[in-house]
Amino acid sequence: MLHGILGYCPQYDCIDEGISVYNTLLYYAHISGVKEEEIERYTKSLITRIGLLPFLNTKAENLSGGNKRKLCLAMALIGRPKVIYIDEASAGVDPGSRRAMWNTIKDEGSESAVVITTHAMEEA
């Protein structure tokens, strides 16, 4: 992330496998400029909306492939950056989770320029 201006979700998972979902997103909230007094509330809200609440304290290495994708997407969205690049965010994600991801992108990216690449025509 470029000082809270740019969010990037690459096609391949780029997560620290040894850190929990919650601690990963807390870290990203800190570096992306989320106000200190809002970090905990905002982070838990994002985790809930993207569908990772049951895995709050789970290390990334123990997540399924679809949940790792959700975590990568949350890392890109956190702090509502001005520009968000998303590459194949929903690859390997079940349809219900995919809907939650797209709703979260719509909410978090409402004031951002969002660039998405996908092979799924229904998403395009």
Protein backbone atom coordinates (compact mmCIF):
# COMPACT_ATOMS: atom_id res chain seq x y z
CA MET A 1 0.00 0.00 0.00
CA LEU A 2 1.33 3.42 -0.94
CA HIS A 3 0.66 5.54 2.17
CA GLY A 4 -3.06 4.84 2.13
CA ILE A 5 -3.47 6.05 -1.46
CA LEU A 6 -3.15 2.75 -3.33
CA GLY A 7 -4.69 -0.63 -2.55
CA TYR A 8 -3.58 -3.72 -4.45
CA CYS A 9 -4.97 -7.25 -4.43
CA PRO A 10 -2.71 -9.36 -6.68
CA GLN A 11 -3.81 -12.57 -8.35
CA TYR A 12 -1.69 -14.62 -5.97
CA ASP A 13 -1.98 -14.48 -2.20
CA CYS A 14 0.54 -12.11 -0.65
CA ILE A 15 -0.02 -12.67 3.04
CA ASP A 16 2.16 -13.45 6.01
CA GLU A 17 1.09 -17.01 6.77
CA GLY A 18 2.07 -16.83 10.46
CA ILE A 19 -0.15 -13.89 11.44
CA SER A 20 -3.86 -14.02 12.30
CA VAL A 21 -6.54 -12.42 10.15
CA TYR A 22 -7.22 -9.79 12.81
CA ASN A 23 -3.58 -8.86 13.38
CA THR A 24 -2.91 -8.68 9.64
CA LEU A 25 -5.72 -6.21 9.12
CA LEU A 26 -4.84 -4.23 12.26
CA TYR A 27 -1.36 -3.77 10.81
CA TYR A 28 -2.73 -2.64 7.45
CA ALA A 29 -5.16 -0.26 9.16
CA HIS A 30 -2.25 1.37 10.98
CA ILE A 31 -0.14 1.86 7.86
CA SER A 32 -3.04 2.95 5.66
CA GLY A 33 -3.97 5.93 7.78
CA VAL A 34 -7.09 4.75 9.60
CA LYS A 35 -7.55 7.01 12.63
CA GLU A 36 -6.23 5.41 15.80
CA GLU A 37 -9.57 5.69 17.62
CA GLU A 38 -11.37 3.94 14.71
CA ILE A 39 -8.92 1.13 13.95
CA GLU A 40 -10.46 -1.64 16.06
CA ARG A 41 -14.09 -0.90 15.11
CA TYR A 42 -13.28 -0.43 11.43
CA THR A 43 -11.12 -3.56 11.23
CA LYS A 44 -13.75 -5.78 12.87
CA SER A 45 -16.44 -4.30 10.64
CA LEU A 46 -14.43 -5.06 7.49
CA ILE A 47 -13.69 -8.60 8.72
CA THR A 48 -17.40 -9.16 9.33
CA ARG A 49 -18.56 -7.72 6.00
CA ILE A 50 -16.06 -9.69 3.93
CA GLY A 51 -16.98 -12.93 5.72
CA LEU A 52 -13.88 -13.64 7.80
CA LEU A 53 -15.36 -13.22 11.30
CA PRO A 54 -15.27 -16.97 12.07
CA PHE A 55 -11.53 -16.84 11.32
CA LEU A 56 -10.73 -13.68 13.30
CA ASN A 57 -7.89 -15.28 15.30
CA THR A 58 -6.90 -17.90 12.71
CA LYS A 59 -3.41 -17.74 11.26
CA ALA A 60 -3.43 -17.18 7.52
CA GLU A 61 -1.65 -20.49 6.94
CA ASN A 62 -4.74 -22.29 8.24
CA LEU A 63 -7.24 -20.52 5.97
CA SER A 64 -8.77 -22.12 2.89
CA GLY A 65 -7.79 -20.73 -0.50
CA GLY A 66 -11.03 -18.76 -0.75
CA ASN A 67 -10.55 -17.21 2.68
CA LYS A 68 -6.99 -16.25 1.80
CA ARG A 69 -8.42 -14.41 -1.22
CA LYS A 70 -10.85 -12.59 1.06
CA LEU A 71 -7.98 -11.59 3.34
CA CYS A 72 -5.93 -10.27 0.40
CA LEU A 73 -8.91 -8.26 -0.77
CA ALA A 74 -9.50 -6.84 2.70
CA MET A 75 -5.83 -5.82 2.85
CA ALA A 76 -6.28 -3.90 -0.41
CA LEU A 77 -9.52 -2.23 0.66
CA ILE A 78 -8.65 -1.24 4.21
CA GLY A 79 -8.49 2.48 4.74
CA ARG A 80 -10.50 3.21 1.61
CA PRO A 81 -7.57 4.07 -0.67
CA LYS A 82 -8.12 6.44 -3.58
CA VAL A 83 -7.07 3.85 -6.20
CA ILE A 84 -7.65 0.11 -5.86
CA TYR A 85 -6.27 -2.53 -8.23
CA ILE A 86 -7.90 -5.95 -7.93
CA ASP A 87 -6.64 -8.93 -9.94
CA GLU A 88 -8.86 -12.03 -9.91
CA ALA A 89 -10.08 -11.39 -6.36
CA SER A 90 -12.85 -13.97 -6.45
CA ALA A 91 -10.93 -16.84 -8.05
CA GLY A 92 -11.61 -19.99 -6.04
CA VAL A 93 -14.30 -18.36 -3.91
CA ASP A 94 -17.78 -19.89 -3.50
CA PRO A 95 -20.76 -17.91 -4.90
CA GLY A 96 -22.06 -16.74 -1.50
CA SER A 97 -18.67 -15.46 -0.45
CA ARG A 98 -18.19 -13.90 -3.86
CA ARG A 99 -21.35 -11.82 -3.31
CA ALA A 100 -20.04 -10.64 0.09
CA MET A 101 -16.74 -9.69 -1.54
CA TRP A 102 -18.43 -7.66 -4.28
CA ASN A 103 -20.65 -5.89 -1.76
CA THR A 104 -17.58 -5.02 0.28
CA ILE A 105 -15.77 -3.73 -2.82
CA LYS A 106 -18.82 -1.60 -3.62
CA ASP A 107 -18.96 -0.18 -0.07
CA GLU A 108 -15.24 0.32 0.53
CA GLY A 109 -14.52 1.50 -2.99
CA SER A 110 -17.46 3.89 -3.32
CA GLU A 111 -15.12 6.91 -3.36
CA SER A 112 -12.22 5.19 -5.10
CA ALA A 113 -11.15 4.43 -8.62
CA VAL A 114 -11.39 0.64 -8.79
CA VAL A 115 -9.62 -1.32 -11.54
CA ILE A 116 -10.60 -4.98 -11.71
CA THR A 117 -9.34 -7.84 -13.87
CA THR A 118 -11.38 -11.02 -14.04
CA HIS A 119 -12.08 -14.01 -16.24
CA ALA A 120 -15.66 -14.25 -14.95
CA MET A 121 -17.93 -12.50 -17.43
CA GLU A 122 -20.73 -12.09 -14.86
CA GLU A 123 -18.33 -10.06 -12.71
CA ALA A 124 -17.06 -7.96 -15.61
